[in-house]
Amino acid sequence: MRWILSYLISTGPVGDVSWRFRLTTVPALIGPGSVPFALLLLGTQNEVLARAAHVSGLSQLIAALTAAAVILARFRPVLAWLLVMAVFTATVLGTDAVGSDPWPMTSPSLFAYLVVQFALARDRRAVVAIGAWLGYLAAGTWALWAVNARFLDIDVIMPNPTAPAPADRGAAALAGENLGVMAVFGALVFVVGLSVRIWRQGRARVAEEEQVASAERGRRRMLEERTRIARELHDIVAHHMSVIAVQSSTAEYRIEGLDEAAREEFRSIGAQARESLAEMRRLLAVLRNEDQSGLRDPMPGPEGLAGLVEAVDRSGTPTTLAVVALPEDLPEAVGLTVYRVVQEALSNVVRHAAGAATAVEVRGEGGSVVVTVVNAARPDGGAPPEPDGSGLGLVGMRERVVIAGGGLEAGPTEDGGFRVRAELPLGDRLDAQE
């Protein structure tokens, strides 16, 4: 029903099913494209001109063009204006005036013209609407001149044939009053339509700026998350490089029977390892921000999950933890990723489904570590978050998992909850680009 009404009344884009009764619906009942209003003008125009038309069927034609102009004003306001001018011309050339009724723009024609003038000012450039207003003034001035100069012989038909026509209410007087009234009302409608156009453009610019700002915030947060990941991985890589540097530097003293070529090879390995560490320190200096308080803290791993789950449980969100068959020699990068994925998943639960029962499982399966965080439906019955998320939480998790060479799945469950599952390989891992 709402879809059909969007065609019959100008409540928004054609076929827009979001239509609902609101304040703007009331003006839409008599605005551009309103089929009910067009039908009202169709009947009224035909009744007004039925006795005044010189040719049989002319009143029906003029009435049909009047209604068509109102409907077309929503889609083709310039064409609708041409139809209004055709109605004006047909009325001037093919009808007489009736009593004191407006002529040559009858009352239905007046409303049709105002609707079209409003649509031109709202949907087209101001110069087009001004041109249409001036075009009507030119046509009305010509009609007034033609009547005064007796170029057109227009009679005044009285509703009561026995009553004499007032001397001061001839066709010329009617045409002059008609021209003045239409000029004033046309200008007012132009101002209203232009104001609506400016208001719409302002809203569109604000929406566009908000969209651009949101995209910029998203990109900035993405870069911040990647920088944070790079800082954390630096410590892990630096640890391994330090081990390589120490072992290569002490190998010639710890291993007996090395010839000079082997000793030189170990010295070269140690020198390159120390050079790599120096380059990494310079890289870390670039990645650091003003808040460096946590850079020297130990990197968290699976051993910190118990405290993390306990803190969430104390906050009012019942949470359980199960760690099954986790390898003892878990790589530090994988352990850090496990911790961060669980941390972010639980943060999302607290933000979007506080109080919902949550289960965390970290399981070693073959050559992978599988992390699963599942929460029940929100206690207040609200909808679960979108799979892509409204913030950067899921994006950050996905970044970490991809760097570790794994995959991430996130989405609502059948019972209204939400599930996050990350699989992290322990063997040969693809790099982030692959």
Protein backbone atom coordinates (compact mmCIF):
# COMPACT_ATOMS: atom_id res chain seq x y z
CA MET A 1 0.00 0.00 0.00
CA ARG A 2 2.79 2.43 0.88
CA TRP A 3 4.52 1.52 -2.39
CA ILE A 4 1.37 2.42 -4.36
CA LEU A 5 0.86 5.67 -2.44
CA SER A 6 4.37 6.77 -3.37
CA TYR A 7 3.15 6.85 -6.98
CA LEU A 8 -0.15 8.59 -6.22
CA ILE A 9 1.27 11.22 -3.85
CA SER A 10 4.69 12.88 -3.90
CA THR A 11 5.86 11.40 -0.59
CA GLY A 12 9.41 10.70 -1.77
CA PRO A 13 11.22 8.76 -4.51
CA VAL A 14 8.94 6.64 -6.67
CA GLY A 15 8.57 3.19 -5.11
CA ASP A 16 10.07 4.27 -1.79
CA VAL A 17 8.62 1.83 0.76
CA SER A 18 9.82 3.92 3.71
CA TRP A 19 6.82 6.25 3.25
CA ARG A 20 4.90 6.98 6.39
CA PHE A 21 2.54 9.66 7.62
CA ARG A 22 4.50 12.73 8.54
CA LEU A 23 4.22 16.51 8.33
CA THR A 24 5.55 16.67 4.75
CA THR A 25 2.77 14.35 3.59
CA VAL A 26 0.12 17.09 4.00
CA PRO A 27 1.69 19.50 1.43
CA ALA A 28 2.34 16.50 -0.81
CA LEU A 29 -1.42 15.99 -1.17
CA ILE A 30 -1.62 19.19 -3.26
CA GLY A 31 1.97 19.24 -4.53
CA PRO A 32 3.70 18.14 -7.74
CA GLY A 33 2.72 14.64 -8.81
CA SER A 34 -0.35 14.31 -6.58
CA VAL A 35 -2.80 12.15 -8.50
CA PRO A 36 -5.77 12.85 -6.15
CA PHE A 37 -5.26 16.61 -6.53
CA ALA A 38 -4.93 16.24 -10.30
CA LEU A 39 -8.23 14.35 -10.46
CA LEU A 40 -9.89 17.08 -8.39
CA LEU A 41 -8.66 19.73 -10.82
CA LEU A 42 -9.78 17.59 -13.76
CA GLY A 43 -13.39 17.55 -12.60
CA THR A 44 -13.43 21.18 -11.48
CA GLN A 45 -11.87 22.51 -14.69
CA ASN A 46 -14.29 20.60 -16.87
CA GLU A 47 -17.25 21.96 -14.88
CA VAL A 48 -15.97 25.56 -15.00
CA LEU A 49 -15.41 25.57 -18.78
CA ALA A 50 -18.30 23.32 -19.86
CA ARG A 51 -20.57 26.27 -20.75
CA ALA A 52 -17.86 28.66 -21.89
CA ALA A 53 -16.03 26.54 -24.49
CA HIS A 54 -16.54 27.52 -28.14
CA VAL A 55 -15.91 23.98 -29.41
CA SER A 56 -17.50 20.79 -28.12
CA GLY A 57 -15.06 18.71 -26.14
CA LEU A 58 -12.62 21.59 -25.63
CA SER A 59 -13.38 21.81 -21.90
CA GLN A 60 -12.53 18.12 -21.45
CA LEU A 61 -9.25 18.58 -23.30
CA ILE A 62 -8.27 21.61 -21.22
CA ALA A 63 -9.21 19.75 -18.03
CA ALA A 64 -7.11 16.75 -19.05
CA LEU A 65 -4.09 18.97 -19.80
CA THR A 66 -4.51 20.72 -16.45
CA ALA A 67 -4.47 17.41 -14.55
CA ALA A 68 -1.56 16.11 -16.63
CA ALA A 69 0.49 19.23 -15.80
CA VAL A 70 0.11 18.59 -12.06
CA ILE A 71 1.24 14.97 -12.40
CA LEU A 72 4.14 15.75 -14.75
CA ALA A 73 5.38 18.52 -12.43
CA ARG A 74 6.89 15.83 -10.23
CA PHE A 75 8.96 14.28 -13.01
CA ARG A 76 9.17 16.81 -15.89
CA PRO A 77 8.42 20.31 -14.55
CA VAL A 78 9.47 22.06 -17.78
CA LEU A 79 7.09 19.91 -19.83
CA ALA A 80 4.41 20.55 -17.20
CA TRP A 81 4.91 24.30 -17.65
CA LEU A 82 4.42 23.92 -21.40
CA LEU A 83 1.14 22.11 -20.71
CA VAL A 84 0.03 24.97 -18.43
CA MET A 85 0.83 27.44 -21.21
CA ALA A 86 -1.16 25.27 -23.62
CA VAL A 87 -4.10 25.38 -21.19
CA PHE A 88 -3.74 29.17 -20.97
CA THR A 89 -3.66 29.54 -24.76
CA ALA A 90 -6.63 27.22 -25.29
CA THR A 91 -8.63 29.11 -22.65
CA VAL A 92 -7.85 32.49 -24.22
CA LEU A 93 -8.63 31.42 -27.77
CA GLY A 94 -11.44 28.91 -27.21
CA THR A 95 -13.54 30.01 -24.22
CA ASP A 96 -15.51 32.95 -22.89
CA ALA A 97 -15.43 34.35 -19.37
CA VAL A 98 -18.08 33.17 -16.90
CA GLY A 99 -19.45 35.84 -14.58
CA SER A 100 -16.82 37.09 -12.16
CA ASP A 101 -14.79 33.88 -12.26
CA PRO A 102 -11.03 34.24 -12.96
CA TRP A 103 -10.15 34.38 -16.66
CA PRO A 104 -8.16 33.35 -18.67
CA MET A 105 -6.46 31.50 -15.82
CA THR A 106 -9.40 29.77 -14.15
CA SER A 107 -9.17 28.65 -10.54
CA PRO A 108 -8.06 25.08 -11.46
CA SER A 109 -5.53 26.53 -13.92
CA LEU A 110 -4.28 28.85 -11.18
CA PHE A 111 -3.57 25.95 -8.83
CA ALA A 112 -1.93 23.93 -11.60
CA TYR A 113 0.32 26.87 -12.50
CA LEU A 114 1.36 27.39 -8.87
CA VAL A 115 2.20 23.70 -8.48
CA VAL A 116 4.30 23.77 -11.65
CA GLN A 117 6.03 27.03 -10.68
CA PHE A 118 6.89 25.54 -7.28
CA ALA A 119 8.27 22.36 -8.92
CA LEU A 120 10.44 24.43 -11.29
CA ALA A 121 11.89 26.48 -8.44
CA ARG A 122 12.47 23.37 -6.31
CA ASP A 123 13.88 20.98 -8.91
CA ARG A 124 15.50 23.18 -11.57
CA ARG A 125 17.93 26.06 -11.60
CA ALA A 126 16.60 29.43 -10.51
CA VAL A 127 17.06 30.88 -13.99
CA VAL A 128 14.65 28.29 -15.41
CA ALA A 129 11.97 29.10 -12.83
CA ILE A 130 12.41 32.84 -13.37
CA GLY A 131 12.15 32.29 -17.12
CA ALA A 132 8.89 30.39 -16.64
CA TRP A 133 7.49 33.19 -14.46
CA LEU A 134 8.46 35.83 -17.02
CA GLY A 135 7.04 33.64 -19.79
CA TYR A 136 3.65 33.61 -18.12
CA LEU A 137 3.80 37.40 -17.58
CA ALA A 138 4.47 37.83 -21.30
CA ALA A 139 1.56 35.54 -22.22
CA GLY A 140 -0.79 37.26 -19.77
CA THR A 141 0.23 40.70 -21.02
CA TRP A 142 -0.45 39.61 -24.59
CA ALA A 143 -3.90 38.28 -23.61
CA LEU A 144 -4.73 41.58 -21.87
CA TRP A 145 -3.58 43.56 -24.94
CA ALA A 146 -5.56 41.31 -27.29
CA VAL A 147 -8.78 41.83 -25.31
CA ASN A 148 -8.30 45.58 -24.94
CA ALA A 149 -7.47 45.98 -28.63
CA ARG A 150 -10.55 43.96 -29.63
CA PHE A 151 -8.22 41.48 -31.31
CA LEU A 152 -10.14 38.83 -29.38
CA ASP A 153 -13.92 39.05 -29.00
CA ILE A 154 -14.53 37.60 -25.54
CA ASP A 155 -18.00 37.53 -24.05
CA VAL A 156 -18.87 37.42 -20.35
CA ILE A 157 -21.42 34.67 -19.74
CA MET A 158 -23.52 35.25 -16.64
CA PRO A 159 -24.50 32.22 -14.56
CA ASN A 160 -27.98 33.72 -14.39
CA PRO A 161 -28.90 34.57 -18.01
CA THR A 162 -31.50 37.13 -16.90
CA ALA A 163 -29.02 39.16 -14.87
CA PRO A 164 -27.18 41.94 -16.77
CA ALA A 165 -23.40 41.83 -16.88
CA PRO A 166 -21.71 44.51 -14.72
CA ALA A 167 -20.17 47.23 -16.81
CA ASP A 168 -16.88 47.15 -14.86
CA ARG A 169 -16.48 43.36 -15.02
CA GLY A 170 -15.73 42.87 -18.70
CA ALA A 171 -13.15 40.48 -20.14
CA ALA A 172 -10.44 43.15 -20.06
CA ALA A 173 -10.95 43.79 -16.36
CA LEU A 174 -10.94 40.07 -15.62
CA ALA A 175 -7.75 39.58 -17.64
CA GLY A 176 -6.03 42.48 -15.87
CA GLU A 177 -6.91 41.22 -12.40
CA ASN A 178 -5.92 37.71 -13.43
CA LEU A 179 -2.51 38.86 -14.60
CA GLY A 180 -1.79 40.77 -11.38
CA VAL A 181 -2.91 37.94 -9.08
CA MET A 182 -0.93 35.32 -11.01
CA ALA A 183 2.20 37.48 -11.02
CA VAL A 184 2.12 37.95 -7.24
CA PHE A 185 1.26 34.34 -6.39
CA GLY A 186 3.78 33.03 -8.91
CA ALA A 187 6.55 35.10 -7.30
CA LEU A 188 5.61 33.88 -3.82
CA VAL A 189 5.58 30.25 -4.92
CA PHE A 190 8.94 30.77 -6.63
CA VAL A 191 10.44 32.00 -3.34
CA VAL A 192 8.99 29.02 -1.45
CA GLY A 193 10.26 26.52 -4.02
CA LEU A 194 13.71 28.12 -4.08
CA SER A 195 13.86 27.98 -0.28
CA VAL A 196 13.04 24.27 -0.35
CA ARG A 197 15.74 23.74 -2.98
CA ILE A 198 18.35 25.56 -0.89
CA TRP A 199 17.30 23.60 2.20
CA ARG A 200 17.60 20.30 0.34
CA GLN A 201 20.99 21.21 -1.05
CA GLY A 202 22.18 22.16 2.41
CA ARG A 203 21.04 18.84 3.84
CA ALA A 204 22.70 16.99 0.97
CA ARG A 205 25.99 18.81 1.54
CA VAL A 206 25.86 18.10 5.26
CA ALA A 207 25.15 14.41 4.60
CA GLU A 208 28.00 14.26 2.09
CA GLU A 209 30.40 15.93 4.50
CA GLU A 210 29.37 13.55 7.27
CA GLN A 211 29.95 10.60 4.94
CA VAL A 212 33.40 11.90 3.97
CA ALA A 213 34.26 12.57 7.62
CA SER A 214 33.11 9.07 8.59
CA ALA A 215 35.24 7.53 5.85
CA GLU A 216 38.24 9.58 6.97
CA ARG A 217 37.73 8.51 10.58
CA GLY A 218 37.55 4.89 9.44
CA ARG A 219 40.79 5.19 7.46
CA ARG A 220 42.52 6.91 10.36
CA ARG A 221 41.42 4.26 12.83
CA MET A 222 42.52 1.56 10.40
CA LEU A 223 45.98 3.10 10.16
CA GLU A 224 46.16 3.47 13.93
CA GLU A 225 45.22 -0.18 14.37
CA ARG A 226 47.83 -1.30 11.84
CA THR A 227 50.45 0.87 13.54
CA ARG A 228 49.56 -0.67 16.89
CA ILE A 229 49.89 -4.17 15.42
CA ALA A 230 53.27 -3.24 13.91
CA ARG A 231 54.54 -1.93 17.27
CA GLU A 232 53.51 -5.12 19.03
CA LEU A 233 55.02 -7.40 16.39
CA HIS A 234 58.25 -5.39 16.56
CA ASP A 235 59.00 -6.67 20.06
CA ILE A 236 58.42 -10.27 19.00
CA VAL A 237 60.64 -10.00 15.92
CA ALA A 238 63.27 -8.06 17.86
CA HIS A 239 63.43 -10.85 20.45
CA HIS A 240 64.15 -13.47 17.80
CA MET A 241 66.71 -11.24 16.09
CA SER A 242 68.43 -10.69 19.44
CA VAL A 243 68.67 -14.43 19.97
CA ILE A 244 70.18 -14.81 16.49
CA ALA A 245 72.69 -12.04 17.18
CA VAL A 246 73.75 -13.52 20.53
CA GLN A 247 74.03 -17.10 19.26
CA SER A 248 75.98 -16.11 16.16
CA SER A 249 78.35 -13.92 18.18
CA THR A 250 79.13 -16.63 20.76
CA ALA A 251 79.19 -19.59 18.37
CA GLU A 252 82.96 -19.37 17.73
CA TYR A 253 83.57 -19.62 21.49
CA ARG A 254 80.99 -22.31 22.21
CA ILE A 255 81.70 -24.64 19.31
CA GLU A 256 85.10 -26.29 19.12
CA GLY A 257 86.93 -27.05 15.92
CA LEU A 258 85.56 -24.23 13.78
CA ASP A 259 87.83 -23.13 10.95
CA GLU A 260 88.36 -19.48 10.12
CA ALA A 261 85.77 -19.49 7.30
CA ALA A 262 83.02 -20.72 9.67
CA ARG A 263 84.05 -18.19 12.30
CA GLU A 264 83.86 -15.41 9.72
CA GLU A 265 80.43 -16.64 8.65
CA PHE A 266 79.12 -16.46 12.22
CA ARG A 267 80.61 -12.97 12.62
CA SER A 268 78.83 -11.87 9.44
CA ILE A 269 75.53 -13.31 10.67
CA GLY A 270 75.93 -11.50 14.01
CA ALA A 271 76.76 -8.21 12.31
CA GLN A 272 73.75 -8.44 10.02
CA ALA A 273 71.47 -9.33 12.94
CA ARG A 274 72.71 -6.32 14.93
CA GLU A 275 72.23 -4.09 11.89
CA SER A 276 68.69 -5.41 11.47
CA LEU A 277 67.97 -4.67 15.13
CA ALA A 278 69.21 -1.10 14.65
CA GLU A 279 66.94 -0.68 11.61
CA MET A 280 63.99 -2.04 13.58
CA ARG A 281 64.65 0.42 16.41
CA ARG A 282 64.58 3.26 13.89
CA LEU A 283 61.33 1.87 12.48
CA LEU A 284 59.81 1.70 15.94
CA ALA A 285 60.73 5.33 16.55
CA VAL A 286 58.64 6.23 13.51
CA LEU A 287 55.70 4.15 14.70
CA ARG A 288 55.70 5.49 18.25
CA ASN A 289 53.18 8.06 19.38
CA GLU A 290 53.31 10.40 22.33
CA ASP A 291 51.91 7.76 24.67
CA GLN A 292 54.74 5.21 24.99
CA SER A 293 53.91 4.02 28.48
CA GLY A 294 52.95 0.52 27.38
CA LEU A 295 55.66 -0.15 24.82
CA ARG A 296 57.97 -1.84 27.32
CA ASP A 297 55.27 -4.00 28.86
CA PRO A 298 55.43 -7.74 28.11
CA MET A 299 53.31 -8.81 25.16
CA PRO A 300 50.15 -10.59 26.40
CA GLY A 301 49.38 -14.14 25.35
CA PRO A 302 47.05 -17.03 26.18
CA GLU A 303 48.22 -16.95 29.79
CA GLY A 304 46.40 -13.62 30.19
CA LEU A 305 43.03 -14.91 28.97
CA ALA A 306 41.93 -16.03 32.44
CA GLY A 307 42.30 -12.56 33.90
CA LEU A 308 40.59 -11.03 30.87
CA VAL A 309 37.58 -13.35 31.15
CA GLU A 310 37.40 -12.84 34.91
CA ALA A 311 37.25 -9.06 34.47
CA VAL A 312 34.40 -9.34 31.94
CA ASP A 313 32.56 -11.78 34.21
CA ARG A 314 32.80 -9.36 37.15
CA SER A 315 31.37 -6.57 34.99
CA GLY A 316 28.02 -8.39 34.78
CA THR A 317 28.47 -10.42 31.59
CA PRO A 318 28.69 -14.14 32.53
CA THR A 319 31.70 -15.51 30.67
CA THR A 320 33.38 -18.92 30.62
CA LEU A 321 36.82 -19.88 29.27
CA ALA A 322 38.00 -23.23 27.88
CA VAL A 323 41.60 -23.76 26.71
CA VAL A 324 41.95 -27.16 25.06
CA ALA A 325 45.07 -28.87 23.67
CA LEU A 326 46.98 -25.64 23.20
CA PRO A 327 50.62 -26.28 22.17
CA GLU A 328 53.23 -25.30 24.73
CA ASP A 329 55.61 -23.90 22.12
CA LEU A 330 53.03 -21.48 20.73
CA PRO A 331 54.72 -18.75 18.64
CA GLU A 332 54.62 -15.36 20.30
CA ALA A 333 52.92 -13.68 17.33
CA VAL A 334 50.15 -16.28 17.35
CA GLY A 335 49.77 -16.03 21.13
CA LEU A 336 49.46 -12.25 20.89
CA THR A 337 46.85 -12.59 18.13
CA VAL A 338 44.85 -15.08 20.23
CA TYR A 339 44.79 -12.66 23.15
CA ARG A 340 43.83 -9.63 21.03
CA VAL A 341 41.05 -11.47 19.20
CA VAL A 342 39.49 -12.62 22.48
CA GLN A 343 39.97 -9.16 23.99
CA GLU A 344 38.24 -7.37 21.10
CA ALA A 345 35.47 -9.97 20.85
CA LEU A 346 34.67 -9.61 24.54
CA SER A 347 34.77 -5.82 24.23
CA ASN A 348 32.15 -6.08 21.47
CA VAL A 349 30.01 -8.29 23.70
CA VAL A 350 30.15 -5.76 26.53
CA ARG A 351 29.30 -2.90 24.15
CA HIS A 352 26.52 -4.55 22.15
CA ALA A 353 25.18 -7.37 24.35
CA ALA A 354 26.04 -6.57 27.95
CA GLY A 355 24.77 -9.26 30.30
CA ALA A 356 24.53 -11.98 27.63
CA ALA A 357 26.07 -15.35 28.50
CA THR A 358 29.38 -15.70 26.63
CA ALA A 359 31.63 -18.69 26.00
CA VAL A 360 35.31 -18.40 25.00
CA GLU A 361 37.15 -21.42 23.65
CA VAL A 362 40.79 -21.62 22.51
CA ARG A 363 41.53 -25.02 20.99
CA GLY A 364 44.52 -26.53 19.27
CA GLU A 365 43.40 -28.49 16.22
CA GLY A 366 46.09 -30.17 14.19
CA GLY A 367 48.36 -27.45 12.92
CA SER A 368 46.11 -24.56 13.89
CA VAL A 369 44.73 -22.69 16.87
CA VAL A 370 40.98 -22.04 16.71
CA VAL A 371 39.54 -19.19 18.78
CA THR A 372 35.76 -19.10 19.23
CA VAL A 373 33.78 -16.47 21.12
CA VAL A 374 30.00 -16.95 21.19
CA ASN A 375 27.50 -14.85 23.10
CA ALA A 376 23.78 -15.41 23.58
CA ALA A 377 21.06 -12.96 22.55
CA ARG A 378 20.93 -9.57 24.21
CA PRO A 379 18.94 -9.65 27.47
CA ASP A 380 16.88 -6.65 26.32
CA GLY A 381 15.91 -8.40 23.08
CA GLY A 382 17.79 -6.01 20.76
CA ALA A 383 19.19 -7.04 17.41
CA PRO A 384 22.76 -8.39 17.16
CA PRO A 385 25.39 -6.16 15.52
CA GLU A 386 26.00 -6.33 11.79
CA PRO A 387 28.66 -8.81 10.60
CA ASP A 388 30.83 -5.94 9.34
CA GLY A 389 30.38 -4.04 12.61
CA SER A 390 29.64 -0.39 13.19
CA GLY A 391 33.18 0.36 14.40
CA LEU A 392 36.72 -0.91 13.85
CA GLY A 393 36.67 -3.88 16.26
CA LEU A 394 36.03 -6.62 13.73
CA VAL A 395 38.25 -4.87 11.20
CA GLY A 396 41.13 -4.83 13.67
CA MET A 397 40.63 -8.52 14.46
CA ARG A 398 40.59 -9.35 10.77
CA GLU A 399 43.82 -7.40 10.23
CA ARG A 400 45.58 -9.34 12.98
CA VAL A 401 44.32 -12.71 11.78
CA VAL A 402 45.31 -12.00 8.17
CA ILE A 403 48.83 -10.99 9.25
CA ALA A 404 49.06 -14.34 11.08
CA GLY A 405 47.99 -16.12 7.87
CA GLY A 406 44.60 -17.21 9.20
CA GLY A 407 40.93 -16.52 8.60
CA LEU A 408 38.14 -14.87 10.56
CA GLU A 409 34.38 -15.54 10.53
CA ALA A 410 31.89 -13.31 12.33
CA GLY A 411 28.11 -13.19 12.21
CA PRO A 412 24.84 -13.58 14.11
CA THR A 413 23.71 -16.96 15.41
CA GLU A 414 20.29 -18.54 14.95
CA ASP A 415 19.23 -17.73 18.52
CA GLY A 416 19.96 -14.02 18.13
CA GLY A 417 23.49 -14.02 19.52
CA PHE A 418 26.82 -13.40 17.82
CA ARG A 419 29.77 -15.66 17.00
CA VAL A 420 33.40 -14.87 16.21
CA ARG A 421 35.69 -17.67 15.01
CA ALA A 422 39.36 -17.20 14.10
CA GLU A 423 41.66 -19.94 12.81
CA LEU A 424 45.40 -19.33 13.12
CA PRO A 425 47.88 -21.72 11.43
CA LEU A 426 50.96 -22.81 13.35
CA GLY A 427 52.98 -24.06 10.39
CA ASP A 428 54.06 -22.15 7.31
CA ARG A 429 52.04 -18.94 7.27
CA LEU A 430 51.21 -16.73 4.31
CA ASP A 431 52.29 -13.13 4.58
CA ALA A 432 49.75 -10.31 4.77
CA GLN A 433 49.91 -9.49 1.04
CA GLU A 434 49.22 -13.12 0.05
